[in-house]
Amino acid sequence: MKVNTLKCGYCGACVGICPRNAIELIENKIEIDTEKCKGCKLCKEICPVNALEE
């Protein structure tokens, strides 16, 4: 998963939903640990502005 920074409002919804704790909100930036992420797409489904892309 990748974050479209033009769309992302840094609300943190994706951080809370990730079952593998692969997403962090650090200083107004969403970081996705690609080693932890297994592509379940829960973050994409919960994002209110559709900022997460494959």
Protein backbone atom coordinates (compact mmCIF):
# COMPACT_ATOMS: atom_id res chain seq x y z
CA MET A 1 0.00 0.00 0.00
CA LYS A 2 1.04 3.56 -0.69
CA VAL A 3 -0.25 6.87 0.63
CA ASN A 4 -1.35 9.55 -1.80
CA THR A 5 -0.09 12.58 0.11
CA LEU A 6 -2.21 14.95 -1.98
CA LYS A 7 -5.38 13.30 -0.62
CA CYS A 8 -4.29 12.26 2.89
CA GLY A 9 -5.59 14.40 5.75
CA TYR A 10 -3.53 12.49 8.36
CA CYS A 11 -6.61 11.56 10.40
CA GLY A 12 -5.00 8.32 11.60
CA ALA A 13 -7.96 6.04 10.82
CA CYS A 14 -5.66 3.67 8.95
CA VAL A 15 -3.26 3.50 11.89
CA GLY A 16 -5.94 2.23 14.26
CA ILE A 17 -7.37 -0.39 11.90
CA CYS A 18 -4.13 -2.12 10.85
CA PRO A 19 -4.03 -5.59 12.45
CA ARG A 20 -0.26 -5.88 11.91
CA ASN A 21 0.65 -2.41 13.27
CA ALA A 22 2.31 -1.64 9.94
CA ILE A 23 1.11 1.97 9.78
CA GLU A 24 2.31 4.88 11.88
CA LEU A 25 1.50 8.58 11.96
CA ILE A 26 4.80 10.38 12.48
CA GLU A 27 4.94 14.19 12.41
CA ASN A 28 2.01 14.63 9.99
CA LYS A 29 3.21 11.82 7.73
CA ILE A 30 1.81 8.32 7.34
CA GLU A 31 4.51 5.67 7.28
CA ILE A 32 3.72 2.13 6.07
CA ASP A 33 6.17 -0.62 6.97
CA THR A 34 6.12 -2.75 3.83
CA GLU A 35 7.73 -5.66 5.70
CA LYS A 36 4.81 -5.83 8.17
CA CYS A 37 2.02 -5.06 5.69
CA LYS A 38 0.43 -8.18 4.23
CA GLY A 39 -2.03 -6.39 1.93
CA CYS A 40 -5.30 -6.98 3.78
CA LYS A 41 -6.52 -3.54 2.55
CA LEU A 42 -8.45 -2.71 5.73
CA CYS A 43 -6.68 0.65 5.73
CA LYS A 44 -7.86 1.33 2.19
CA GLU A 45 -11.43 0.46 3.12
CA ILE A 46 -11.48 2.71 6.21
CA CYS A 47 -9.80 5.77 4.66
CA PRO A 48 -12.41 8.55 4.41
CA VAL A 49 -10.59 10.32 1.55
CA ASN A 50 -9.39 7.28 -0.45
CA ALA A 51 -5.74 8.22 0.05
CA LEU A 52 -4.41 4.66 0.18
CA GLU A 53 -3.52 2.98 -3.09
CA GLU A 54 -2.01 -0.34 -4.14
